[in-house]
Every structure is written in C-alpha cells, then in structure tokens.
Amino acid sequence: MTVFEELKRRGLLAQLTDEEEIKELINAGKATFYIGFDPTADSLHVGHFMALCLMKRLQMAGNKPIVLIGGGTAMIGDPSGKTDMRKMMTKETINHNVECFKKQMSHFIDFSDDKAIIVNNGDWLLDLNYVDVLRDVGACFSVNKMLTFECYKQRMERGLTFLEFNYMIMQSYDFYRLFQDYGCNMQFGGDDQWANMLGGTELIRKKLGKDAYAMTITLLLNSEGKKMGKTEKGAVWLDPEKTSPYEFYQYWRNVGDADVIKCLKMLTFVPIEEIEEMEKHMEGAEYNKAKELLAYELTKLVHGKEEADKADAAAKAIFAGGGNSDDMPSTTIAAADLTDGKIGILTLLVKCGLCPSNGEARRLVTQNGIAVNGEKFTDPKGLVDLSEPVVIKKGKKIFHKAIAE
C-alpha cells in the first residue's frame, strides 16, 4: 500500500490541485512540502495535531517537511473561519510563541541531518517594502476573485479590515519564497486554507511559469460538525503545563462513539487494516476498547510512553476505585475563596474548570450531574467543606480533585 493510498483510506484527503502529480511525488518521496503554523499562543493544540501527524507520515515515506512558523503572518491574522478580528500581538509575544512551537514540534518531526527544516516567515515578510509588494505581488491578485472565496465572504457582513484582506497575499508570498529558496513544490493545510493555498500556486505560476501543488486535509470535526479539541476549560493543549497528560488522555477517552474510529484513522499510527477490522465489530464494550486505544496512542505520541502508561493506569484506578488516584487532575482553591473552610458548589465547579459559568454549573447540579466524594450533590446553593480534599465527579466519566490552599 502506498502512502497516498493510506491517506485516502484514513479519510485525510480533502481537495487537491492535481491528484496524479501529488500522488506520484509523495509516493516517490520527492515532495518538499510545507505546512504553516501561526504562533497565536505559546503552545500547539489539538487543532494542529492532524497537520503534525500528516507531516510525520509523509516524512516516514521519504518526503521532506518544511515547518513554516508564521512570525510575520501572525502580525496580521488569518480571517479564514473567523467571525471576528484576531487580537493583535507584540513581536516579543510572537517570538516567544515561535520558540515554544519549535520545541513541541521536535516530538513529531525529525529535524536531524536536514531531514526537515523550520523557517519563520517573519525573516522575509517583516522586511518587505510596501510599494514593492503592491507592484510585484499585488498586481497578480484579482480583488473580484478574492471576494468570491468563502474565507472573505463570511466576514464581509461583519466587516473585513484591509489588514486581514492582505493575509492571502502574504501566505501566497510564503509559498513563492519557499519554492525559490528551498525547492518547496507542495503545500498542505486544513481544508479552510484552500483559497490561500490556491493563491500561492497561482503566484508561482504567474511569476515563475512553474507548477506547484496544494492539498488540503479534512478538518477534525465531531459527529455534530463542530471542531474537536475544545472543553469547558478551553483548548486541549499539547503543553503538559496547560493540559496535563491525564486530561489529554481523558479528552480522547471520552470522545463520542460515532467519532472514535474516525479519530483512530486520522490521528494514530495504528495500522489501517487493524482499525478497519475493529470497525466491523463496533458494538457495546468494543467502543470502550477503541477509545482506550485512541487515548493511549495519542497520549504516547504527544507525551511519551511513560506518561501514557501513567494516564492509562490513573484512569483505570479512578473508575475501579470510585475516584482515587494521585494522578487525578486537581485544583488548589485559594484561602481567600473559602468561608470557614467552605465554598459554594457553583463557584467550585467553575474554579475547577468543570463548568464555564455559574449557569452551566447550576444546570448540572440540579440535573443530578454532580457528585462530591461519591454522593450526589443536588443543591445549587450548597457549600462544600474543603477541610479535607474532595473528589468531584461530573457525569459518568470526569473526576477532579479540589484541595484547599
């Protein structure tokens, strides 16, 4: 089975500019490809995960990845899939985030012996002369055509700034520079990046008279059509300080039945034949086995085997023992938040990140969705005594320890 066939069987392929050429290049290990990552935070998150896995797969097949860190494009902000303008960041914040990204990516990509490289588009974008860009690059883009793309249409009603309107031109220029400087012949990205990627192939064709290729990968959506990787606490991060290995494990352990096989195919390196065989017998307890496999494999990939083993053992100990494990996620409650050693249940749930708001916490409590130390807690006005650590259970699967400062 070729690498291209495997990508198809795993459901990763979305849109391609030239399927036959792309197939030939990546199967022969002759693709020098890039994927861009804008450093909008100091950690990668689950939304980046599929792109990192794709890079790893293609590198294993002999292709050369270029990780493009958007130190320049992050100064503008990509309007694709956004309803509001991105918050502006300082150069210092962007540079800090770039360094964090580089460190995390080394867990996925082999950068030794020039097998892969990391470049920062700030190295060329930030020194460009505005008039030169307008004359040399801007002349290659039709405003009429740009406004037909979905990434701009959905923002026109709310208001699209000229700053963001330039994002496609900047990303296209990245591909143009990488093609010239590094022989980069292909760009991969999420399906919401299709318009920006086409801009790059067109710029290369118009300026250099040569062909370059683009391929998008399927966005990671759940069965309800929503992007995966969000919890009440926010994004699921790859940084263990922001999302602990146990919490990361639990996120994947708790995916919906309808999503587990898709996630195994798209995100793990479990042989596709094994997953397809599992798919034929998915019922009852088999769903739980598949979820445990998914959670373990992804935690091992991100945090290493030792942390995956610990998270797996902690999860089993918690469920078998009704919520007892040293590795359970916990929150320390400040003394200032306590009155005589007690705290309101709604406040406690929000501070522990188990609910985004008091309203959601109230709904859970009144609908019997919360237990404290194994006992149902149904009074939204009730107080929890934190003179000793308590274990909160949300629903059937989520456990959290609260400890007084």
Foldseek 3Di string as FASTA:
>chain_A
DFLVVLCVLLQWFDDKPDVVVVSVCLSQLNAEEEEEDELPDLFAFPQCQLVLQVQLSSLVSNHEYEYEYALPLLQQQALQPHQDGDDGDDSVRRVNSVVSHVVQSVLRDPPPPNSYYYDYLCVPNVPDDPVCCCVLQVVLDDPVVLCVDPSNVSHVVVDDDVSNSCSLSSLLVVLLVCCVPPVRQEYEEAPSCVSSRVSNQSSCCVPPVDGGMYTYTYACAAPVRHHPQADLLGGGGLPCVSPNLLNQLLSLLPGDLRCLLSLCSSRFPDDSVVSVVLVVVDDDCSSNVSSLVSSLRVSCSRPNNVSSVQSSVQQVCCLVVVGDDPPAAEDEDEPVQDDVQKHQQLVVCCRQSVHNHSVVSLVCLCVQQKDKQNHGRNDNRDIDHQPDKIWMGGHNRHIYIYHYD
